[in-house]
Amino acid sequence: IGRVAPQDVTVLIRGESGTGKELIARAIYQHSPRANKPFLAVNCAAIPDALLESELFGHEKGSFTGADRQRIGKFEQSSGGTIFLDEVGDMSPLVQGKLLRLLQEQRFERVGGNQTIQTDVRIIAATHRDLEAMSNAGTFRADLYYRLNGFTITVPPLRDRGDDIVLLLERFFSLYARQLHKEVQGISPDALKLMIEYPWPGNVREMQSAV
């Protein structure tokens, strides 16, 4: 994070769900020259294909049923700043094509529009999918994968992070003890042993919920 944050390059964060990929994206942004400009996060898996294009690029009034006014998309809103595209492997081929052009030229058109809009945005993407296998299978554009993969940060699953488990537990216990007004002094040795030995398939997010 420290090495790549000051460089204005695209970053791809890889790792299982719940490992803290958005936290890493925010750390990159906060230590970058763009830290005083907007940071916007978009979960590509949570937005239907038909709406994701409009969410990212905006749309013109009347461009589709229900488009009763112009909408400014995330790439326009975050100009000068950083956009975090979570679960980028879930993008439809249409949105992949528009994203590739944006990465190459920093230009795009709103849905239903013909005016070319110039932007200046740093893209940080994240995925738990195997993008190489997807590009070989033809479900993810290889040229887009190479563009996104400017610098890769791989986040190991919690079960492979050794003493990080203890540090994270201490952090969450301290945080939630304050929030819930509980006089919790710490974790008993037996409980700590169980938590260290448990494989945490949901990673840090699961641990946070358990605490």
N, C-alpha and C. Protein backbone atom coordinates (compact mmCIF):
# COMPACT_ATOMS: atom_id res chain seq x y z
N ILE A 1 0.84 -1.20 0.00
CA ILE A 1 0.00 0.00 0.00
C ILE A 1 0.87 1.25 0.00
N GLY A 2 1.90 1.24 0.82
CA GLY A 2 2.79 2.40 0.91
C GLY A 2 3.53 2.67 -0.39
N ARG A 3 3.91 1.61 -1.10
CA ARG A 3 4.65 1.79 -2.35
C ARG A 3 3.76 2.29 -3.47
N VAL A 4 2.53 1.77 -3.54
CA VAL A 4 1.69 2.07 -4.71
C VAL A 4 0.83 3.32 -4.52
N ALA A 5 0.55 3.71 -3.28
CA ALA A 5 -0.37 4.83 -3.04
C ALA A 5 0.06 6.12 -3.75
N PRO A 6 1.34 6.52 -3.70
CA PRO A 6 1.71 7.79 -4.34
C PRO A 6 1.75 7.73 -5.86
N GLN A 7 1.77 6.52 -6.43
CA GLN A 7 1.85 6.38 -7.88
C GLN A 7 0.45 6.37 -8.48
N ASP A 8 0.26 7.14 -9.53
CA ASP A 8 -1.08 7.26 -10.12
C ASP A 8 -1.33 6.11 -11.09
N VAL A 9 -1.34 4.88 -10.56
CA VAL A 9 -1.56 3.69 -11.40
C VAL A 9 -2.81 2.95 -10.92
N THR A 10 -3.35 2.13 -11.80
CA THR A 10 -4.50 1.31 -11.46
C THR A 10 -4.05 0.16 -10.56
N VAL A 11 -4.86 -0.13 -9.54
CA VAL A 11 -4.52 -1.20 -8.59
C VAL A 11 -5.64 -2.24 -8.60
N LEU A 12 -5.25 -3.51 -8.63
CA LEU A 12 -6.20 -4.62 -8.53
C LEU A 12 -5.96 -5.33 -7.20
N ILE A 13 -6.98 -5.37 -6.36
CA ILE A 13 -6.89 -6.02 -5.05
C ILE A 13 -7.60 -7.36 -5.14
N ARG A 14 -6.90 -8.43 -4.81
CA ARG A 14 -7.45 -9.77 -4.96
C ARG A 14 -7.52 -10.44 -3.60
N GLY A 15 -8.57 -11.21 -3.39
CA GLY A 15 -8.71 -11.93 -2.14
C GLY A 15 -10.12 -12.40 -1.93
N GLU A 16 -10.29 -13.32 -1.00
CA GLU A 16 -11.61 -13.86 -0.69
C GLU A 16 -12.53 -12.77 -0.16
N SER A 17 -13.82 -13.06 -0.18
CA SER A 17 -14.80 -12.12 0.36
C SER A 17 -14.58 -11.97 1.87
N GLY A 18 -14.65 -10.73 2.34
CA GLY A 18 -14.54 -10.47 3.77
C GLY A 18 -13.13 -10.25 4.27
N THR A 19 -12.14 -10.17 3.37
CA THR A 19 -10.75 -10.02 3.81
C THR A 19 -10.35 -8.56 4.04
N GLY A 20 -11.19 -7.61 3.63
CA GLY A 20 -10.88 -6.21 3.86
C GLY A 20 -10.34 -5.48 2.64
N LYS A 21 -10.83 -5.86 1.45
CA LYS A 21 -10.32 -5.25 0.22
C LYS A 21 -10.68 -3.77 0.12
N GLU A 22 -11.88 -3.41 0.58
CA GLU A 22 -12.26 -1.98 0.51
C GLU A 22 -11.42 -1.15 1.48
N LEU A 23 -11.08 -1.74 2.64
CA LEU A 23 -10.22 -1.05 3.60
C LEU A 23 -8.87 -0.72 2.97
N ILE A 24 -8.34 -1.66 2.20
CA ILE A 24 -7.06 -1.44 1.52
C ILE A 24 -7.21 -0.35 0.46
N ALA A 25 -8.32 -0.39 -0.28
CA ALA A 25 -8.56 0.65 -1.30
C ALA A 25 -8.61 2.04 -0.65
N ARG A 26 -9.27 2.14 0.49
CA ARG A 26 -9.36 3.44 1.17
C ARG A 26 -7.99 3.89 1.69
N ALA A 27 -7.17 2.93 2.14
CA ALA A 27 -5.82 3.28 2.61
C ALA A 27 -4.96 3.80 1.46
N ILE A 28 -5.09 3.17 0.29
CA ILE A 28 -4.36 3.65 -0.90
C ILE A 28 -4.78 5.08 -1.22
N TYR A 29 -6.09 5.31 -1.22
CA TYR A 29 -6.63 6.64 -1.51
C TYR A 29 -6.14 7.68 -0.49
N GLN A 30 -6.20 7.33 0.80
CA GLN A 30 -5.86 8.29 1.86
C GLN A 30 -4.38 8.67 1.85
N HIS A 31 -3.53 7.81 1.29
CA HIS A 31 -2.09 8.10 1.23
C HIS A 31 -1.65 8.52 -0.17
N SER A 32 -2.62 8.90 -1.01
CA SER A 32 -2.31 9.28 -2.39
C SER A 32 -2.41 10.80 -2.55
N PRO A 33 -1.87 11.34 -3.64
CA PRO A 33 -2.02 12.79 -3.89
C PRO A 33 -3.46 13.21 -4.14
N ARG A 34 -4.38 12.23 -4.32
CA ARG A 34 -5.79 12.53 -4.57
C ARG A 34 -6.62 12.52 -3.28
N ALA A 35 -5.96 12.48 -2.13
CA ALA A 35 -6.67 12.29 -0.85
C ALA A 35 -7.66 13.42 -0.53
N ASN A 36 -7.46 14.60 -1.12
CA ASN A 36 -8.39 15.71 -0.84
C ASN A 36 -9.51 15.80 -1.88
N LYS A 37 -9.58 14.80 -2.76
CA LYS A 37 -10.63 14.73 -3.78
C LYS A 37 -11.57 13.56 -3.44
N PRO A 38 -12.68 13.39 -4.20
CA PRO A 38 -13.67 12.37 -3.81
C PRO A 38 -13.14 10.94 -3.88
N PHE A 39 -13.71 10.09 -3.01
CA PHE A 39 -13.53 8.63 -3.08
C PHE A 39 -14.93 8.03 -3.13
N LEU A 40 -15.22 7.28 -4.20
CA LEU A 40 -16.52 6.65 -4.34
C LEU A 40 -16.33 5.15 -4.52
N ALA A 41 -17.17 4.36 -3.83
CA ALA A 41 -17.10 2.90 -3.92
C ALA A 41 -18.37 2.38 -4.59
N VAL A 42 -18.20 1.46 -5.54
CA VAL A 42 -19.33 0.85 -6.24
C VAL A 42 -19.17 -0.66 -6.18
N ASN A 43 -20.19 -1.36 -5.67
CA ASN A 43 -20.18 -2.82 -5.67
C ASN A 43 -20.84 -3.31 -6.95
N CYS A 44 -20.03 -3.78 -7.89
CA CYS A 44 -20.55 -4.16 -9.21
C CYS A 44 -21.45 -5.38 -9.14
N ALA A 45 -21.32 -6.19 -8.10
CA ALA A 45 -22.15 -7.39 -7.97
C ALA A 45 -23.53 -7.06 -7.39
N ALA A 46 -23.64 -5.92 -6.71
CA ALA A 46 -24.89 -5.58 -6.03
C ALA A 46 -25.85 -4.80 -6.91
N ILE A 47 -25.38 -4.34 -8.06
CA ILE A 47 -26.22 -3.51 -8.94
C ILE A 47 -26.52 -4.30 -10.21
N PRO A 48 -27.79 -4.42 -10.60
CA PRO A 48 -28.13 -5.17 -11.83
C PRO A 48 -27.41 -4.59 -13.05
N ASP A 49 -27.10 -5.48 -14.01
CA ASP A 49 -26.36 -5.06 -15.21
C ASP A 49 -26.97 -3.84 -15.89
N ALA A 50 -28.30 -3.83 -15.97
CA ALA A 50 -28.98 -2.74 -16.68
C ALA A 50 -28.76 -1.40 -16.00
N LEU A 51 -28.56 -1.41 -14.70
CA LEU A 51 -28.40 -0.15 -13.95
C LEU A 51 -26.94 0.23 -13.74
N LEU A 52 -26.02 -0.75 -13.80
CA LEU A 52 -24.62 -0.47 -13.49
C LEU A 52 -24.01 0.54 -14.46
N GLU A 53 -24.34 0.41 -15.75
CA GLU A 53 -23.82 1.34 -16.74
C GLU A 53 -24.25 2.77 -16.40
N SER A 54 -25.53 2.94 -16.05
CA SER A 54 -26.04 4.26 -15.69
C SER A 54 -25.41 4.76 -14.39
N GLU A 55 -25.20 3.85 -13.43
CA GLU A 55 -24.60 4.20 -12.14
C GLU A 55 -23.18 4.75 -12.34
N LEU A 56 -22.42 4.11 -13.22
CA LEU A 56 -21.03 4.49 -13.43
C LEU A 56 -20.87 5.68 -14.37
N PHE A 57 -21.62 5.66 -15.48
CA PHE A 57 -21.40 6.65 -16.54
C PHE A 57 -22.48 7.73 -16.60
N GLY A 58 -23.59 7.53 -15.87
CA GLY A 58 -24.68 8.49 -15.91
C GLY A 58 -25.58 8.26 -17.13
N HIS A 59 -26.67 9.00 -17.20
CA HIS A 59 -27.55 8.89 -18.37
C HIS A 59 -28.21 10.23 -18.66
N GLU A 60 -28.69 10.34 -19.89
CA GLU A 60 -29.41 11.55 -20.31
C GLU A 60 -30.91 11.34 -20.08
N LYS A 61 -31.61 12.43 -19.91
CA LYS A 61 -33.06 12.37 -19.76
C LYS A 61 -33.69 11.70 -20.98
N GLY A 62 -34.58 10.73 -20.72
CA GLY A 62 -35.29 10.05 -21.81
C GLY A 62 -34.50 8.93 -22.47
N SER A 63 -33.33 8.59 -21.93
CA SER A 63 -32.50 7.56 -22.59
C SER A 63 -33.07 6.16 -22.43
N PHE A 64 -33.91 5.96 -21.42
CA PHE A 64 -34.62 4.68 -21.24
C PHE A 64 -35.85 4.94 -20.39
N THR A 65 -36.73 3.95 -20.32
CA THR A 65 -37.97 4.09 -19.55
C THR A 65 -37.64 4.40 -18.10
N GLY A 66 -38.22 5.48 -17.59
CA GLY A 66 -37.97 5.87 -16.20
C GLY A 66 -36.87 6.91 -16.05
N ALA A 67 -36.13 7.19 -17.12
CA ALA A 67 -35.07 8.21 -17.05
C ALA A 67 -35.70 9.58 -17.26
N ASP A 68 -36.33 10.10 -16.20
CA ASP A 68 -37.07 11.35 -16.32
C ASP A 68 -36.20 12.59 -16.12
N ARG A 69 -34.93 12.38 -15.82
CA ARG A 69 -34.00 13.51 -15.71
C ARG A 69 -32.58 13.02 -15.97
N GLN A 70 -31.70 13.97 -16.22
CA GLN A 70 -30.30 13.62 -16.44
C GLN A 70 -29.67 13.13 -15.13
N ARG A 71 -28.79 12.15 -15.24
CA ARG A 71 -28.10 11.66 -14.05
C ARG A 71 -26.59 11.73 -14.28
N ILE A 72 -25.87 12.26 -13.31
CA ILE A 72 -24.41 12.31 -13.36
C ILE A 72 -23.87 11.02 -12.74
N GLY A 73 -23.04 10.30 -13.49
CA GLY A 73 -22.53 9.02 -13.01
C GLY A 73 -21.33 9.16 -12.08
N LYS A 74 -20.93 8.03 -11.51
CA LYS A 74 -19.85 8.01 -10.52
C LYS A 74 -18.51 8.47 -11.10
N PHE A 75 -18.24 8.14 -12.37
CA PHE A 75 -16.97 8.55 -12.95
C PHE A 75 -16.88 10.07 -13.11
N GLU A 76 -18.03 10.69 -13.34
CA GLU A 76 -18.06 12.15 -13.45
C GLU A 76 -17.98 12.78 -12.06
N GLN A 77 -18.69 12.19 -11.09
CA GLN A 77 -18.69 12.71 -9.72
C GLN A 77 -17.31 12.65 -9.07
N SER A 78 -16.55 11.61 -9.41
CA SER A 78 -15.27 11.41 -8.73
C SER A 78 -14.09 11.95 -9.52
N SER A 79 -14.33 12.80 -10.51
CA SER A 79 -13.23 13.35 -11.31
C SER A 79 -12.24 14.07 -10.40
N GLY A 80 -10.97 13.76 -10.59
CA GLY A 80 -9.92 14.30 -9.73
C GLY A 80 -9.61 13.37 -8.57
N GLY A 81 -10.51 12.45 -8.30
CA GLY A 81 -10.35 11.56 -7.15
C GLY A 81 -10.16 10.11 -7.54
N THR A 82 -10.75 9.23 -6.75
CA THR A 82 -10.54 7.79 -6.88
C THR A 82 -11.88 7.07 -6.86
N ILE A 83 -12.03 6.05 -7.69
CA ILE A 83 -13.23 5.22 -7.65
C ILE A 83 -12.81 3.78 -7.37
N PHE A 84 -13.53 3.14 -6.46
CA PHE A 84 -13.26 1.76 -6.09
C PHE A 84 -14.35 0.87 -6.67
N LEU A 85 -13.97 -0.01 -7.58
CA LEU A 85 -14.91 -0.92 -8.22
C LEU A 85 -14.78 -2.30 -7.56
N ASP A 86 -15.67 -2.59 -6.63
CA ASP A 86 -15.63 -3.87 -5.93
C ASP A 86 -16.33 -4.93 -6.77
N GLU A 87 -15.81 -6.15 -6.71
CA GLU A 87 -16.33 -7.29 -7.50
C GLU A 87 -16.43 -6.94 -8.98
N VAL A 88 -15.30 -6.47 -9.50
CA VAL A 88 -15.25 -6.02 -10.90
C VAL A 88 -15.47 -7.18 -11.87
N GLY A 89 -15.24 -8.41 -11.41
CA GLY A 89 -15.44 -9.58 -12.26
C GLY A 89 -16.90 -9.84 -12.59
N ASP A 90 -17.83 -9.15 -11.92
CA ASP A 90 -19.26 -9.34 -12.17
C ASP A 90 -19.82 -8.39 -13.22
N MET A 91 -18.96 -7.59 -13.83
CA MET A 91 -19.43 -6.62 -14.84
C MET A 91 -19.87 -7.31 -16.12
N SER A 92 -20.91 -6.76 -16.76
CA SER A 92 -21.35 -7.28 -18.05
C SER A 92 -20.35 -6.88 -19.14
N PRO A 93 -20.35 -7.60 -20.28
CA PRO A 93 -19.43 -7.25 -21.38
C PRO A 93 -19.58 -5.80 -21.85
N LEU A 94 -20.81 -5.28 -21.87
CA LEU A 94 -21.03 -3.90 -22.31
C LEU A 94 -20.30 -2.91 -21.40
N VAL A 95 -20.46 -3.08 -20.09
CA VAL A 95 -19.81 -2.16 -19.14
C VAL A 95 -18.30 -2.36 -19.17
N GLN A 96 -17.85 -3.59 -19.37
CA GLN A 96 -16.41 -3.85 -19.49
C GLN A 96 -15.81 -3.04 -20.64
N GLY A 97 -16.52 -3.00 -21.78
CA GLY A 97 -16.03 -2.26 -22.94
C GLY A 97 -15.93 -0.77 -22.67
N LYS A 98 -16.94 -0.21 -22.01
CA LYS A 98 -16.92 1.22 -21.70
C LYS A 98 -15.83 1.54 -20.68
N LEU A 99 -15.63 0.62 -19.71
CA LEU A 99 -14.60 0.84 -18.70
C LEU A 99 -13.21 0.81 -19.33
N LEU A 100 -13.01 -0.09 -20.30
CA LEU A 100 -11.72 -0.16 -20.99
C LEU A 100 -11.40 1.16 -21.68
N ARG A 101 -12.40 1.71 -22.36
CA ARG A 101 -12.17 2.99 -23.05
C ARG A 101 -11.84 4.08 -22.04
N LEU A 102 -12.54 4.08 -20.90
CA LEU A 102 -12.28 5.09 -19.89
C LEU A 102 -10.85 4.98 -19.37
N LEU A 103 -10.39 3.74 -19.16
CA LEU A 103 -9.02 3.53 -18.68
C LEU A 103 -7.99 4.01 -19.72
N GLN A 104 -8.29 3.79 -20.98
CA GLN A 104 -7.35 4.15 -22.04
C GLN A 104 -7.33 5.65 -22.31
N GLU A 105 -8.51 6.29 -22.28
CA GLU A 105 -8.62 7.67 -22.75
C GLU A 105 -9.13 8.66 -21.70
N GLN A 106 -9.63 8.15 -20.55
CA GLN A 106 -10.26 9.01 -19.55
C GLN A 106 -11.43 9.80 -20.15
N ARG A 107 -12.14 9.14 -21.10
CA ARG A 107 -13.31 9.77 -21.73
C ARG A 107 -14.44 8.75 -21.81
N PHE A 108 -15.69 9.25 -21.83
CA PHE A 108 -16.86 8.38 -21.93
C PHE A 108 -18.06 9.21 -22.35
N GLU A 109 -19.15 8.52 -22.67
CA GLU A 109 -20.43 9.19 -22.92
C GLU A 109 -21.46 8.66 -21.93
N ARG A 110 -22.38 9.52 -21.52
CA ARG A 110 -23.48 9.04 -20.69
C ARG A 110 -24.39 8.13 -21.51
N VAL A 111 -25.14 7.27 -20.85
CA VAL A 111 -26.10 6.40 -21.54
C VAL A 111 -27.12 7.30 -22.26
N GLY A 112 -27.30 7.05 -23.55
CA GLY A 112 -28.25 7.83 -24.33
C GLY A 112 -27.72 9.18 -24.78
N GLY A 113 -26.44 9.45 -24.52
CA GLY A 113 -25.88 10.75 -24.90
C GLY A 113 -24.82 10.60 -25.97
N ASN A 114 -24.50 11.70 -26.64
CA ASN A 114 -23.43 11.67 -27.64
C ASN A 114 -22.33 12.67 -27.33
N GLN A 115 -22.44 13.36 -26.20
CA GLN A 115 -21.39 14.29 -25.79
C GLN A 115 -20.28 13.51 -25.07
N THR A 116 -19.05 13.67 -25.53
CA THR A 116 -17.91 13.00 -24.88
C THR A 116 -17.48 13.81 -23.66
N ILE A 117 -17.39 13.13 -22.52
CA ILE A 117 -17.05 13.79 -21.26
C ILE A 117 -15.66 13.36 -20.85
N GLN A 118 -14.83 14.35 -20.54
CA GLN A 118 -13.46 14.08 -20.09
C GLN A 118 -13.47 13.98 -18.57
N THR A 119 -12.74 13.01 -18.04
CA THR A 119 -12.65 12.89 -16.59
C THR A 119 -11.20 12.60 -16.22
N ASP A 120 -10.91 12.64 -14.94
CA ASP A 120 -9.57 12.32 -14.45
C ASP A 120 -9.76 11.55 -13.15
N VAL A 121 -9.76 10.23 -13.25
CA VAL A 121 -10.08 9.41 -12.09
C VAL A 121 -9.11 8.25 -11.98
N ARG A 122 -8.71 7.95 -10.76
CA ARG A 122 -7.88 6.76 -10.52
C ARG A 122 -8.80 5.61 -10.17
N ILE A 123 -8.55 4.45 -10.79
CA ILE A 123 -9.41 3.29 -10.55
C ILE A 123 -8.67 2.26 -9.70
N ILE A 124 -9.34 1.86 -8.62
CA ILE A 124 -8.88 0.73 -7.81
C ILE A 124 -9.98 -0.31 -7.91
N ALA A 125 -9.63 -1.51 -8.34
CA ALA A 125 -10.63 -2.57 -8.52
C ALA A 125 -10.34 -3.72 -7.56
N ALA A 126 -11.37 -4.49 -7.26
CA ALA A 126 -11.20 -5.65 -6.38
C ALA A 126 -12.04 -6.80 -6.89
N THR A 127 -11.58 -8.02 -6.64
CA THR A 127 -12.34 -9.19 -7.03
C THR A 127 -11.93 -10.40 -6.20
N HIS A 128 -12.88 -11.32 -6.03
CA HIS A 128 -12.53 -12.62 -5.44
C HIS A 128 -12.49 -13.69 -6.54
N ARG A 129 -12.77 -13.28 -7.78
CA ARG A 129 -12.83 -14.22 -8.90
C ARG A 129 -11.45 -14.41 -9.54
N ASP A 130 -11.32 -15.49 -10.31
CA ASP A 130 -10.11 -15.78 -11.05
C ASP A 130 -10.24 -15.12 -12.43
N LEU A 131 -9.76 -13.90 -12.55
CA LEU A 131 -9.94 -13.14 -13.79
C LEU A 131 -9.16 -13.74 -14.96
N GLU A 132 -8.02 -14.39 -14.67
CA GLU A 132 -7.27 -15.04 -15.76
C GLU A 132 -8.12 -16.15 -16.38
N ALA A 133 -8.71 -16.99 -15.53
CA ALA A 133 -9.56 -18.08 -16.04
C ALA A 133 -10.77 -17.52 -16.78
N MET A 134 -11.35 -16.42 -16.26
CA MET A 134 -12.50 -15.81 -16.92
C MET A 134 -12.12 -15.23 -18.28
N SER A 135 -10.93 -14.63 -18.39
CA SER A 135 -10.52 -14.08 -19.68
C SER A 135 -10.22 -15.20 -20.67
N ASN A 136 -9.66 -16.31 -20.17
CA ASN A 136 -9.43 -17.47 -21.05
C ASN A 136 -10.75 -18.07 -21.54
N ALA A 137 -11.78 -17.99 -20.66
CA ALA A 137 -13.09 -18.54 -21.03
C ALA A 137 -13.92 -17.56 -21.85
N GLY A 138 -13.44 -16.32 -21.97
CA GLY A 138 -14.14 -15.31 -22.78
C GLY A 138 -15.23 -14.57 -22.03
N THR A 139 -15.30 -14.70 -20.69
CA THR A 139 -16.34 -14.00 -19.92
C THR A 139 -15.83 -12.69 -19.33
N PHE A 140 -14.50 -12.47 -19.40
CA PHE A 140 -13.94 -11.19 -18.96
C PHE A 140 -12.88 -10.78 -19.98
N ARG A 141 -12.95 -9.55 -20.43
CA ARG A 141 -12.05 -9.08 -21.49
C ARG A 141 -10.60 -9.13 -21.03
N ALA A 142 -9.77 -9.80 -21.82
CA ALA A 142 -8.35 -9.91 -21.47
C ALA A 142 -7.68 -8.53 -21.47
N ASP A 143 -8.05 -7.67 -22.46
CA ASP A 143 -7.42 -6.35 -22.53
C ASP A 143 -7.78 -5.50 -21.31
N LEU A 144 -9.01 -5.67 -20.79
CA LEU A 144 -9.41 -4.94 -19.58
C LEU A 144 -8.66 -5.49 -18.37
N TYR A 145 -8.52 -6.80 -18.31
CA TYR A 145 -7.78 -7.41 -17.19
C TYR A 145 -6.35 -6.85 -17.13
N TYR A 146 -5.68 -6.76 -18.29
CA TYR A 146 -4.31 -6.24 -18.29
C TYR A 146 -4.27 -4.78 -17.85
N ARG A 147 -5.29 -4.02 -18.22
CA ARG A 147 -5.35 -2.61 -17.82
C ARG A 147 -5.58 -2.46 -16.31
N LEU A 148 -6.48 -3.27 -15.77
CA LEU A 148 -6.78 -3.18 -14.34
C LEU A 148 -5.61 -3.66 -13.49
N ASN A 149 -4.85 -4.59 -14.05
CA ASN A 149 -3.79 -5.27 -13.32
C ASN A 149 -2.48 -4.49 -13.35
N GLY A 150 -2.56 -3.16 -13.20
CA GLY A 150 -1.35 -2.35 -13.20
C GLY A 150 -0.44 -2.69 -12.04
N PHE A 151 -1.04 -2.88 -10.89
CA PHE A 151 -0.32 -3.27 -9.68
C PHE A 151 -1.29 -4.14 -8.88
N THR A 152 -0.84 -5.30 -8.44
CA THR A 152 -1.73 -6.23 -7.73
C THR A 152 -1.38 -6.31 -6.26
N ILE A 153 -2.39 -6.24 -5.42
CA ILE A 153 -2.23 -6.53 -3.99
C ILE A 153 -3.10 -7.74 -3.68
N THR A 154 -2.49 -8.81 -3.21
CA THR A 154 -3.23 -10.02 -2.85
C THR A 154 -3.41 -10.05 -1.34
N VAL A 155 -4.66 -10.12 -0.90
CA VAL A 155 -4.97 -10.13 0.53
C VAL A 155 -5.18 -11.57 0.97
N PRO A 156 -4.33 -12.10 1.85
CA PRO A 156 -4.50 -13.49 2.25
C PRO A 156 -5.75 -13.67 3.11
N PRO A 157 -6.33 -14.88 3.09
CA PRO A 157 -7.48 -15.13 3.98
C PRO A 157 -7.05 -15.06 5.43
N LEU A 158 -7.99 -14.80 6.31
CA LEU A 158 -7.69 -14.62 7.74
C LEU A 158 -6.99 -15.85 8.32
N ARG A 159 -7.37 -17.05 7.88
CA ARG A 159 -6.78 -18.28 8.43
C ARG A 159 -5.28 -18.38 8.15
N ASP A 160 -4.78 -17.60 7.18
CA ASP A 160 -3.35 -17.62 6.85
C ASP A 160 -2.60 -16.42 7.42
N ARG A 161 -3.25 -15.67 8.31
CA ARG A 161 -2.64 -14.41 8.75
C ARG A 161 -2.08 -14.45 10.17
N GLY A 162 -1.90 -15.67 10.72
CA GLY A 162 -1.17 -15.83 11.98
C GLY A 162 -1.67 -14.95 13.10
N ASP A 163 -0.75 -14.19 13.71
CA ASP A 163 -1.08 -13.38 14.89
C ASP A 163 -1.97 -12.19 14.56
N ASP A 164 -2.22 -11.92 13.27
CA ASP A 164 -3.20 -10.88 12.92
C ASP A 164 -4.54 -11.16 13.59
N ILE A 165 -4.88 -12.44 13.73
CA ILE A 165 -6.16 -12.82 14.34
C ILE A 165 -6.27 -12.22 15.73
N VAL A 166 -5.20 -12.34 16.53
CA VAL A 166 -5.22 -11.82 17.90
C VAL A 166 -5.34 -10.30 17.89
N LEU A 167 -4.57 -9.64 17.01
CA LEU A 167 -4.62 -8.17 16.94
C LEU A 167 -6.01 -7.68 16.53
N LEU A 168 -6.62 -8.35 15.55
CA LEU A 168 -7.95 -7.96 15.10
C LEU A 168 -8.99 -8.20 16.19
N LEU A 169 -8.88 -9.33 16.89
CA LEU A 169 -9.81 -9.61 17.99
C LEU A 169 -9.72 -8.52 19.06
N GLU A 170 -8.50 -8.15 19.42
CA GLU A 170 -8.32 -7.11 20.44
C GLU A 170 -8.94 -5.79 19.98
N ARG A 171 -8.76 -5.49 18.71
CA ARG A 171 -9.32 -4.26 18.14
C ARG A 171 -10.85 -4.28 18.20
N PHE A 172 -11.46 -5.38 17.75
CA PHE A 172 -12.92 -5.46 17.72
C PHE A 172 -13.51 -5.48 19.13
N PHE A 173 -12.86 -6.19 20.06
CA PHE A 173 -13.36 -6.22 21.44
C PHE A 173 -13.33 -4.83 22.05
N SER A 174 -12.25 -4.11 21.83
CA SER A 174 -12.14 -2.75 22.37
C SER A 174 -13.21 -1.84 21.76
N LEU A 175 -13.39 -1.95 20.43
CA LEU A 175 -14.36 -1.11 19.72
C LEU A 175 -15.78 -1.36 20.20
N TYR A 176 -16.18 -2.65 20.24
CA TYR A 176 -17.57 -2.96 20.57
C TYR A 176 -17.86 -2.85 22.06
N ALA A 177 -16.84 -3.02 22.90
CA ALA A 177 -17.04 -2.79 24.33
C ALA A 177 -17.45 -1.33 24.57
N ARG A 178 -16.77 -0.42 23.86
CA ARG A 178 -17.12 1.00 23.98
C ARG A 178 -18.50 1.28 23.41
N GLN A 179 -18.77 0.75 22.21
CA GLN A 179 -20.04 1.02 21.54
C GLN A 179 -21.23 0.48 22.32
N LEU A 180 -21.08 -0.70 22.92
CA LEU A 180 -22.19 -1.37 23.61
C LEU A 180 -22.16 -1.15 25.11
N HIS A 181 -21.21 -0.30 25.56
CA HIS A 181 -21.10 0.03 27.00
C HIS A 181 -20.96 -1.22 27.85
N LYS A 182 -20.06 -2.11 27.44
CA LYS A 182 -19.80 -3.35 28.18
C LYS A 182 -18.44 -3.25 28.88
N GLU A 183 -18.41 -3.76 30.10
CA GLU A 183 -17.15 -3.77 30.86
C GLU A 183 -16.39 -5.06 30.57
N VAL A 184 -16.00 -5.26 29.33
CA VAL A 184 -15.27 -6.47 28.95
C VAL A 184 -13.78 -6.20 29.07
N GLN A 185 -13.10 -7.03 29.85
CA GLN A 185 -11.67 -6.81 30.08
C GLN A 185 -10.80 -7.49 29.03
N GLY A 186 -11.33 -8.55 28.39
CA GLY A 186 -10.52 -9.25 27.40
C GLY A 186 -11.17 -10.57 27.04
N ILE A 187 -10.38 -11.44 26.44
CA ILE A 187 -10.88 -12.74 25.97
C ILE A 187 -10.22 -13.82 26.83
N SER A 188 -10.99 -14.76 27.30
CA SER A 188 -10.43 -15.85 28.11
C SER A 188 -9.51 -16.71 27.24
N PRO A 189 -8.50 -17.35 27.83
CA PRO A 189 -7.58 -18.20 27.05
C PRO A 189 -8.31 -19.27 26.25
N ASP A 190 -9.35 -19.88 26.84
CA ASP A 190 -10.09 -20.94 26.13
C ASP A 190 -10.80 -20.37 24.90
N ALA A 191 -11.44 -19.22 25.07
CA ALA A 191 -12.16 -18.60 23.95
C ALA A 191 -11.17 -18.16 22.86
N LEU A 192 -10.03 -17.63 23.29
CA LEU A 192 -9.02 -17.19 22.33
C LEU A 192 -8.50 -18.37 21.52
N LYS A 193 -8.28 -19.50 22.20
CA LYS A 193 -7.79 -20.71 21.52
C LYS A 193 -8.80 -21.17 20.46
N LEU A 194 -10.09 -21.16 20.81
CA LEU A 194 -11.13 -21.54 19.85
C LEU A 194 -11.12 -20.62 18.63
N MET A 195 -10.97 -19.33 18.91
CA MET A 195 -11.02 -18.35 17.81
C MET A 195 -9.79 -18.44 16.91
N ILE A 196 -8.64 -18.76 17.49
CA ILE A 196 -7.42 -18.89 16.68
C ILE A 196 -7.49 -20.15 15.82
N GLU A 197 -8.08 -21.23 16.37
CA GLU A 197 -8.13 -22.50 15.65
C GLU A 197 -9.25 -22.56 14.61
N TYR A 198 -10.26 -21.70 14.76
CA TYR A 198 -11.39 -21.69 13.83
C TYR A 198 -10.93 -21.15 12.46
N PRO A 199 -11.35 -21.77 11.34
CA PRO A 199 -10.81 -21.36 10.02
C PRO A 199 -11.39 -20.07 9.44
N TRP A 200 -12.44 -19.51 10.01
CA TRP A 200 -13.04 -18.25 9.55
C TRP A 200 -13.27 -18.21 8.03
N PRO A 201 -14.19 -19.04 7.52
CA PRO A 201 -14.46 -19.03 6.07
C PRO A 201 -14.96 -17.67 5.58
N GLY A 202 -15.60 -16.89 6.45
CA GLY A 202 -16.06 -15.55 6.07
C GLY A 202 -15.05 -14.46 6.35
N ASN A 203 -13.84 -14.86 6.79
CA ASN A 203 -12.72 -13.95 7.01
C ASN A 203 -13.01 -12.87 8.06
N VAL A 204 -12.43 -11.68 7.87
CA VAL A 204 -12.51 -10.64 8.90
C VAL A 204 -13.96 -10.22 9.14
N ARG A 205 -14.76 -10.20 8.08
CA ARG A 205 -16.17 -9.81 8.22
C ARG A 205 -16.90 -10.77 9.15
N GLU A 206 -16.63 -12.07 9.03
CA GLU A 206 -17.27 -13.05 9.91
C GLU A 206 -16.80 -12.88 11.34
N MET A 207 -15.50 -12.65 11.52
CA MET A 207 -14.98 -12.44 12.87
C MET A 207 -15.61 -11.21 13.54
N GLN A 208 -15.74 -10.16 12.77
CA GLN A 208 -16.33 -8.92 13.28
C GLN A 208 -17.77 -9.20 13.77
N SER A 209 -18.54 -9.96 12.96
CA SER A 209 -19.91 -10.29 13.34
C SER A 209 -19.93 -11.17 14.60
N ALA A 210 -18.98 -12.10 14.68
CA ALA A 210 -18.94 -13.01 15.84
C ALA A 210 -18.67 -12.22 17.12
N VAL A 211 -17.72 -11.28 17.05
CA VAL A 211 -17.42 -10.47 18.22
C VAL A 211 -18.61 -9.61 18.60
